[in-house]
Amino acid sequence: MLKPDKHTNPILSVINIAGLIIIQIKNDEIVSYNDLLNNLINKTSNSVKDVFHYSLSFLYLLDKVEYISELDALRLKI
């Protein structure tokens, strides 16, 4: 998944989308799930929906983001 091949679109790679997620959360501190997804769709394309969950899982496993269930939002961990 993380290893690129000749068919990988660099714009829609897990690493790139994870970077865009971190930038968005840094700017807004707390971002709702839907706002984050819509922002990524506007920046890239509708195809980002396929990679979005993988990128969030990647950041969560690296302990970079936390999910706030009461707000259905994400926050960057310090």
PDB file of N, CA and C in Angstrom:
ATOM      1  N   MET A   1       0.810  -1.197   0.000  1.00  0.00           N
ATOM      2  CA  MET A   1       0.000   0.000   0.000  1.00  0.00           C
ATOM      3  C   MET A   1       0.855   1.264   0.000  1.00  0.00           C
ATOM      4  N   LEU A   2       1.897   1.284   0.804  1.00  0.00           N
ATOM      5  CA  LEU A   2       2.731   2.473   0.877  1.00  0.00           C
ATOM      6  C   LEU A   2       3.831   2.478  -0.172  1.00  0.00           C
ATOM      7  N   LYS A   3       4.143   1.310  -0.725  1.00  0.00           N
ATOM      8  CA  LYS A   3       5.202   1.218  -1.719  1.00  0.00           C
ATOM      9  C   LYS A   3       4.633   1.577  -3.096  1.00  0.00           C
ATOM     10  N   PRO A   4       5.173   2.634  -3.718  1.00  0.00           N
ATOM     11  CA  PRO A   4       4.629   3.032  -5.017  1.00  0.00           C
ATOM     12  C   PRO A   4       5.061   2.081  -6.133  1.00  0.00           C
ATOM     13  N   ASP A   5       4.237   1.995  -7.146  1.00  0.00           N
ATOM     14  CA  ASP A   5       4.592   1.267  -8.356  1.00  0.00           C
ATOM     15  C   ASP A   5       4.271   2.169  -9.547  1.00  0.00           C
ATOM     16  N   LYS A   6       4.344   1.642 -10.741  1.00  0.00           N
ATOM     17  CA  LYS A   6       4.158   2.484 -11.920  1.00  0.00           C
ATOM     18  C   LYS A   6       2.709   2.967 -12.094  1.00  0.00           C
ATOM     19  N   HIS A   7       1.784   2.379 -11.372  1.00  0.00           N
ATOM     20  CA  HIS A   7       0.382   2.769 -11.481  1.00  0.00           C
ATOM     21  C   HIS A   7      -0.058   3.720 -10.361  1.00  0.00           C
ATOM     22  N   THR A   8       0.832   4.041  -9.453  1.00  0.00           N
ATOM     23  CA  THR A   8       0.491   4.888  -8.320  1.00  0.00           C
ATOM     24  C   THR A   8       0.397   6.345  -8.746  1.00  0.00           C
ATOM     25  N   ASN A   9      -0.708   6.968  -8.402  1.00  0.00           N
ATOM     26  CA  ASN A   9      -0.864   8.403  -8.608  1.00  0.00           C
ATOM     27  C   ASN A   9      -0.295   9.091  -7.371  1.00  0.00           C
ATOM     28  N   PRO A  10       0.783   9.859  -7.494  1.00  0.00           N
ATOM     29  CA  PRO A  10       1.407  10.455  -6.310  1.00  0.00           C
ATOM     30  C   PRO A  10       0.487  11.412  -5.551  1.00  0.00           C
ATOM     31  N   ILE A  11      -0.456  12.016  -6.250  1.00  0.00           N
ATOM     32  CA  ILE A  11      -1.387  12.928  -5.593  1.00  0.00           C
ATOM     33  C   ILE A  11      -2.323  12.156  -4.665  1.00  0.00           C
ATOM     34  N   LEU A  12      -2.677  10.939  -5.034  1.00  0.00           N
ATOM     35  CA  LEU A  12      -3.620  10.135  -4.261  1.00  0.00           C
ATOM     36  C   LEU A  12      -2.932   9.038  -3.454  1.00  0.00           C
ATOM     37  N   SER A  13      -1.657   9.195  -3.176  1.00  0.00           N
ATOM     38  CA  SER A  13      -0.960   8.203  -2.359  1.00  0.00           C
ATOM     39  C   SER A  13      -1.298   8.413  -0.881  1.00  0.00           C
ATOM     40  N   VAL A  14      -1.154   7.366  -0.104  1.00  0.00           N
ATOM     41  CA  VAL A  14      -1.465   7.426   1.330  1.00  0.00           C
ATOM     42  C   VAL A  14      -0.589   8.468   2.017  1.00  0.00           C
ATOM     43  N   ILE A  15       0.674   8.528   1.655  1.00  0.00           N
ATOM     44  CA  ILE A  15       1.601   9.464   2.285  1.00  0.00           C
ATOM     45  C   ILE A  15       1.203  10.908   1.981  1.00  0.00           C
ATOM     46  N   ASN A  16       0.869  11.202   0.737  1.00  0.00           N
ATOM     47  CA  ASN A  16       0.478  12.558   0.368  1.00  0.00           C
ATOM     48  C   ASN A  16      -0.816  12.978   1.049  1.00  0.00           C
ATOM     49  N   ILE A  17      -1.804  12.110   1.046  1.00  0.00           N
ATOM     50  CA  ILE A  17      -3.088  12.436   1.673  1.00  0.00           C
ATOM     51  C   ILE A  17      -2.909  12.602   3.182  1.00  0.00           C
ATOM     52  N   ALA A  18      -2.073  11.775   3.796  1.00  0.00           N
ATOM     53  CA  ALA A  18      -1.796  11.929   5.230  1.00  0.00           C
ATOM     54  C   ALA A  18      -1.147  13.284   5.504  1.00  0.00           C
ATOM     55  N   GLY A  19      -0.262  13.715   4.627  1.00  0.00           N
ATOM     56  CA  GLY A  19       0.354  15.034   4.775  1.00  0.00           C
ATOM     57  C   GLY A  19      -0.660  16.151   4.657  1.00  0.00           C
ATOM     58  N   LEU A  20      -1.579  16.033   3.711  1.00  0.00           N
ATOM     59  CA  LEU A  20      -2.634  17.041   3.562  1.00  0.00           C
ATOM     60  C   LEU A  20      -3.550  17.067   4.784  1.00  0.00           C
ATOM     61  N   ILE A  21      -3.814  15.900   5.362  1.00  0.00           N
ATOM     62  CA  ILE A  21      -4.635  15.824   6.571  1.00  0.00           C
ATOM     63  C   ILE A  21      -3.934  16.546   7.718  1.00  0.00           C
ATOM     64  N   ILE A  22      -2.639  16.305   7.882  1.00  0.00           N
ATOM     65  CA  ILE A  22      -1.889  16.963   8.964  1.00  0.00           C
ATOM     66  C   ILE A  22      -1.890  18.473   8.779  1.00  0.00           C
ATOM     67  N   ILE A  23      -1.688  18.942   7.552  1.00  0.00           N
ATOM     68  CA  ILE A  23      -1.703  20.384   7.295  1.00  0.00           C
ATOM     69  C   ILE A  23      -3.057  20.984   7.656  1.00  0.00           C
ATOM     70  N   GLN A  24      -4.147  20.318   7.260  1.00  0.00           N
ATOM     71  CA  GLN A  24      -5.490  20.824   7.547  1.00  0.00           C
ATOM     72  C   GLN A  24      -5.759  20.872   9.051  1.00  0.00           C
ATOM     73  N   ILE A  25      -5.353  19.831   9.761  1.00  0.00           N
ATOM     74  CA  ILE A  25      -5.598  19.796  11.205  1.00  0.00           C
ATOM     75  C   ILE A  25      -4.723  20.828  11.916  1.00  0.00           C
ATOM     76  N   LYS A  26      -3.505  21.046  11.441  1.00  0.00           N
ATOM     77  CA  LYS A  26      -2.646  22.071  12.037  1.00  0.00           C
ATOM     78  C   LYS A  26      -3.263  23.454  11.895  1.00  0.00           C
ATOM     79  N   ASN A  27      -3.864  23.720  10.749  1.00  0.00           N
ATOM     80  CA  ASN A  27      -4.459  25.032  10.500  1.00  0.00           C
ATOM     81  C   ASN A  27      -5.717  25.274  11.329  1.00  0.00           C
ATOM     82  N   ASP A  28      -6.534  24.247  11.514  1.00  0.00           N
ATOM     83  CA  ASP A  28      -7.832  24.410  12.168  1.00  0.00           C
ATOM     84  C   ASP A  28      -7.903  23.842  13.582  1.00  0.00           C
ATOM     85  N   GLU A  29      -6.894  23.179  14.059  1.00  0.00           N
ATOM     86  CA  GLU A  29      -6.793  22.537  15.372  1.00  0.00           C
ATOM     87  C   GLU A  29      -7.750  21.362  15.538  1.00  0.00           C
ATOM     88  N   ILE A  30      -9.041  21.585  15.394  1.00  0.00           N
ATOM     89  CA  ILE A  30     -10.027  20.495  15.447  1.00  0.00           C
ATOM     90  C   ILE A  30     -10.852  20.561  14.167  1.00  0.00           C
ATOM     91  N   VAL A  31     -10.886  19.455  13.446  1.00  0.00           N
ATOM     92  CA  VAL A  31     -11.578  19.411  12.156  1.00  0.00           C
ATOM     93  C   VAL A  31     -12.580  18.271  12.180  1.00  0.00           C
ATOM     94  N   SER A  32     -13.804  18.572  11.778  1.00  0.00           N
ATOM     95  CA  SER A  32     -14.802  17.501  11.713  1.00  0.00           C
ATOM     96  C   SER A  32     -14.453  16.559  10.562  1.00  0.00           C
ATOM     97  N   TYR A  33     -14.879  15.336  10.712  1.00  0.00           N
ATOM     98  CA  TYR A  33     -14.589  14.278   9.743  1.00  0.00           C
ATOM     99  C   TYR A  33     -15.078  14.668   8.350  1.00  0.00           C
ATOM    100  N   ASN A  34     -16.315  15.124   8.257  1.00  0.00           N
ATOM    101  CA  ASN A  34     -16.898  15.470   6.957  1.00  0.00           C
ATOM    102  C   ASN A  34     -16.222  16.684   6.336  1.00  0.00           C
ATOM    103  N   ASP A  35     -15.891  17.691   7.148  1.00  0.00           N
ATOM    104  CA  ASP A  35     -15.195  18.866   6.626  1.00  0.00           C
ATOM    105  C   ASP A  35     -13.834  18.497   6.069  1.00  0.00           C
ATOM    106  N   LEU A  36     -13.137  17.608   6.773  1.00  0.00           N
ATOM    107  CA  LEU A  36     -11.828  17.168   6.322  1.00  0.00           C
ATOM    108  C   LEU A  36     -11.929  16.425   4.997  1.00  0.00           C
ATOM    109  N   LEU A  37     -12.876  15.526   4.892  1.00  0.00           N
ATOM    110  CA  LEU A  37     -13.066  14.775   3.649  1.00  0.00           C
ATOM    111  C   LEU A  37     -13.448  15.702   2.498  1.00  0.00           C
ATOM    112  N   ASN A  38     -14.378  16.623   2.733  1.00  0.00           N
ATOM    113  CA  ASN A  38     -14.789  17.559   1.682  1.00  0.00           C
ATOM    114  C   ASN A  38     -13.637  18.454   1.245  1.00  0.00           C
ATOM    115  N   ASN A  39     -12.811  18.886   2.180  1.00  0.00           N
ATOM    116  CA  ASN A  39     -11.660  19.714   1.848  1.00  0.00           C
ATOM    117  C   ASN A  39     -10.668  18.938   0.975  1.00  0.00           C
ATOM    118  N   LEU A  40     -10.440  17.679   1.306  1.00  0.00           N
ATOM    119  CA  LEU A  40      -9.534  16.865   0.502  1.00  0.00           C
ATOM    120  C   LEU A  40     -10.092  16.592  -0.893  1.00  0.00           C
ATOM    121  N   ILE A  41     -11.394  16.417  -0.990  1.00  0.00           N
ATOM    122  CA  ILE A  41     -12.023  16.224  -2.304  1.00  0.00           C
ATOM    123  C   ILE A  41     -11.824  17.479  -3.155  1.00  0.00           C
ATOM    124  N   ASN A  42     -11.984  18.662  -2.540  1.00  0.00           N
ATOM    125  CA  ASN A  42     -11.789  19.911  -3.276  1.00  0.00           C
ATOM    126  C   ASN A  42     -10.338  20.112  -3.699  1.00  0.00           C
ATOM    127  N   LYS A  43      -9.383  19.678  -2.869  1.00  0.00           N
ATOM    128  CA  LYS A  43      -7.968  19.856  -3.193  1.00  0.00           C
ATOM    129  C   LYS A  43      -7.468  18.846  -4.218  1.00  0.00           C
ATOM    130  N   THR A  44      -8.021  17.640  -4.212  1.00  0.00           N
ATOM    131  CA  THR A  44      -7.522  16.595  -5.110  1.00  0.00           C
ATOM    132  C   THR A  44      -8.610  16.208  -6.107  1.00  0.00           C
ATOM    133  N   SER A  45      -9.334  15.160  -5.805  1.00  0.00           N
ATOM    134  CA  SER A  45     -10.428  14.713  -6.664  1.00  0.00           C
ATOM    135  C   SER A  45     -11.363  13.839  -5.845  1.00  0.00           C
ATOM    136  N   ASN A  46     -12.425  13.403  -6.456  1.00  0.00           N
ATOM    137  CA  ASN A  46     -13.398  12.550  -5.776  1.00  0.00           C
ATOM    138  C   ASN A  46     -12.815  11.173  -5.462  1.00  0.00           C
ATOM    139  N   SER A  47     -11.738  10.817  -6.140  1.00  0.00           N
ATOM    140  CA  SER A  47     -11.083   9.519  -5.924  1.00  0.00           C
ATOM    141  C   SER A  47     -10.372   9.434  -4.580  1.00  0.00           C
ATOM    142  N   VAL A  48     -10.242  10.547  -3.879  1.00  0.00           N
ATOM    143  CA  VAL A  48      -9.559  10.544  -2.582  1.00  0.00           C
ATOM    144  C   VAL A  48     -10.352   9.751  -1.547  1.00  0.00           C
ATOM    145  N   LYS A  49     -11.634   9.535  -1.793  1.00  0.00           N
ATOM    146  CA  LYS A  49     -12.455   8.757  -0.854  1.00  0.00           C
ATOM    147  C   LYS A  49     -11.908   7.352  -0.654  1.00  0.00           C
ATOM    148  N   ASP A  50     -11.291   6.792  -1.703  1.00  0.00           N
ATOM    149  CA  ASP A  50     -10.734   5.445  -1.608  1.00  0.00           C
ATOM    150  C   ASP A  50      -9.524   5.385  -0.684  1.00  0.00           C
ATOM    151  N   VAL A  51      -8.774   6.462  -0.585  1.00  0.00           N
ATOM    152  CA  VAL A  51      -7.512   6.479   0.156  1.00  0.00           C
ATOM    153  C   VAL A  51      -7.666   7.157   1.517  1.00  0.00           C
ATOM    154  N   PHE A  52      -8.728   7.896   1.707  1.00  0.00           N
ATOM    155  CA  PHE A  52      -8.917   8.702   2.918  1.00  0.00           C
ATOM    156  C   PHE A  52      -8.857   7.867   4.192  1.00  0.00           C
ATOM    157  N   HIS A  53      -9.576   6.765   4.217  1.00  0.00           N
ATOM    158  CA  HIS A  53      -9.605   5.927   5.423  1.00  0.00           C
ATOM    159  C   HIS A  53      -8.247   5.291   5.699  1.00  0.00           C
ATOM    160  N   TYR A  54      -7.550   4.897   4.649  1.00  0.00           N
ATOM    161  CA  TYR A  54      -6.211   4.336   4.829  1.00  0.00           C
ATOM    162  C   TYR A  54      -5.249   5.379   5.400  1.00  0.00           C
ATOM    163  N   SER A  55      -5.362   6.605   4.932  1.00  0.00           N
ATOM    164  CA  SER A  55      -4.488   7.677   5.421  1.00  0.00           C
ATOM    165  C   SER A  55      -4.779   8.009   6.879  1.00  0.00           C
ATOM    166  N   LEU A  56      -6.060   8.046   7.234  1.00  0.00           N
ATOM    167  CA  LEU A  56      -6.419   8.287   8.633  1.00  0.00           C
ATOM    168  C   LEU A  56      -5.938   7.151   9.526  1.00  0.00           C
ATOM    169  N   SER A  57      -6.084   5.935   9.061  1.00  0.00           N
ATOM    170  CA  SER A  57      -5.607   4.784   9.830  1.00  0.00           C
ATOM    171  C   SER A  57      -4.095   4.836   9.997  1.00  0.00           C
ATOM    172  N   PHE A  58      -3.391   5.223   8.951  1.00  0.00           N
ATOM    173  CA  PHE A  58      -1.941   5.360   8.996  1.00  0.00           C
ATOM    174  C   PHE A  58      -1.531   6.376  10.061  1.00  0.00           C
ATOM    175  N   LEU A  59      -2.183   7.541  10.072  1.00  0.00           N
ATOM    176  CA  LEU A  59      -1.859   8.572  11.065  1.00  0.00           C
ATOM    177  C   LEU A  59      -2.243   8.137  12.475  1.00  0.00           C
ATOM    178  N   TYR A  60      -3.347   7.422  12.597  1.00  0.00           N
ATOM    179  CA  TYR A  60      -3.784   6.950  13.908  1.00  0.00           C
ATOM    180  C   TYR A  60      -2.808   5.908  14.456  1.00  0.00           C
ATOM    181  N   LEU A  61      -2.337   5.020  13.606  1.00  0.00           N
ATOM    182  CA  LEU A  61      -1.373   4.010  14.038  1.00  0.00           C
ATOM    183  C   LEU A  61      -0.034   4.623  14.425  1.00  0.00           C
ATOM    184  N   LEU A  62       0.323   5.726  13.789  1.00  0.00           N
ATOM    185  CA  LEU A  62       1.552   6.438  14.147  1.00  0.00           C
ATOM    186  C   LEU A  62       1.353   7.343  15.365  1.00  0.00           C
ATOM    187  N   ASP A  63       0.136   7.361  15.900  1.00  0.00           N
ATOM    188  CA  ASP A  63      -0.226   8.161  17.076  1.00  0.00           C
ATOM    189  C   ASP A  63      -0.061   9.660  16.809  1.00  0.00           C
ATOM    190  N   LYS A  64      -0.459  10.093  15.625  1.00  0.00           N
ATOM    191  CA  LYS A  64      -0.372  11.505  15.245  1.00  0.00           C
ATOM    192  C   LYS A  64      -1.704  12.226  15.368  1.00  0.00           C
ATOM    193  N   VAL A  65      -2.811  11.503  15.278  1.00  0.00           N
ATOM    194  CA  VAL A  65      -4.133  12.109  15.393  1.00  0.00           C
ATOM    195  C   VAL A  65      -4.953  11.355  16.421  1.00  0.00           C
ATOM    196  N   GLU A  66      -5.923  12.060  16.963  1.00  0.00           N
ATOM    197  CA  GLU A  66      -6.874  11.398  17.858  1.00  0.00           C
ATOM    198  C   GLU A  66      -8.286  11.754  17.419  1.00  0.00           C
ATOM    199  N   TYR A  67      -9.173  10.830  17.606  1.00  0.00           N
ATOM    200  CA  TYR A  67     -10.568  10.992  17.222  1.00  0.00           C
ATOM    201  C   TYR A  67     -11.373  11.415  18.430  1.00  0.00           C
ATOM    202  N   ILE A  68     -12.168  12.469  18.279  1.00  0.00           N
ATOM    203  CA  ILE A  68     -13.045  12.958  19.335  1.00  0.00           C
ATOM    204  C   ILE A  68     -14.459  12.519  18.969  1.00  0.00           C
ATOM    205  N   SER A  69     -14.930  11.487  19.635  1.00  0.00           N
ATOM    206  CA  SER A  69     -16.210  10.880  19.242  1.00  0.00           C
ATOM    207  C   SER A  69     -17.401  11.803  19.499  1.00  0.00           C
ATOM    208  N   GLU A  70     -17.342  12.623  20.539  1.00  0.00           N
ATOM    209  CA  GLU A  70     -18.466  13.523  20.846  1.00  0.00           C
ATOM    210  C   GLU A  70     -18.699  14.534  19.725  1.00  0.00           C
ATOM    211  N   LEU A  71     -17.632  14.949  19.067  1.00  0.00           N
ATOM    212  CA  LEU A  71     -17.719  15.954  18.005  1.00  0.00           C
ATOM    213  C   LEU A  71     -17.629  15.361  16.607  1.00  0.00           C
ATOM    214  N   ASP A  72     -17.321  14.071  16.522  1.00  0.00           N
ATOM    215  CA  ASP A  72     -17.037  13.413  15.244  1.00  0.00           C
ATOM    216  C   ASP A  72     -15.968  14.218  14.497  1.00  0.00           C
ATOM    217  N   ALA A  73     -14.867  14.461  15.236  1.00  0.00           N
ATOM    218  CA  ALA A  73     -13.787  15.316  14.711  1.00  0.00           C
ATOM    219  C   ALA A  73     -12.434  14.707  15.035  1.00  0.00           C
ATOM    220  N   LEU A  74     -11.416  15.297  14.424  1.00  0.00           N
ATOM    221  CA  LEU A  74     -10.035  14.854  14.620  1.00  0.00           C
ATOM    222  C   LEU A  74      -9.198  16.005  15.154  1.00  0.00           C
ATOM    223  N   ARG A  75      -8.212  15.633  15.955  1.00  0.00           N
ATOM    224  CA  ARG A  75      -7.294  16.612  16.526  1.00  0.00           C
ATOM    225  C   ARG A  75      -5.884  16.043  16.418  1.00  0.00           C
ATOM    226  N   LEU A  76      -4.915  16.917  16.183  1.00  0.00           N
ATOM    227  CA  LEU A  76      -3.525  16.509  16.110  1.00  0.00           C
ATOM    228  C   LEU A  76      -2.989  16.290  17.512  1.00  0.00           C
ATOM    229  N   LYS A  77      -2.290  15.180  17.699  1.00  0.00           N
ATOM    230  CA  LYS A  77      -1.685  14.899  19.001  1.00  0.00           C
ATOM    231  C   LYS A  77      -0.345  15.613  19.086  1.00  0.00           C
ATOM    232  N   ILE A  78      -0.039  16.092  20.264  1.00  0.00           N
ATOM    233  CA  ILE A  78       1.225  16.819  20.477  1.00  0.00           C
ATOM    234  C   ILE A  78       2.315  15.867  20.880  1.00  0.00           C
TER     235      ILE A  78
END
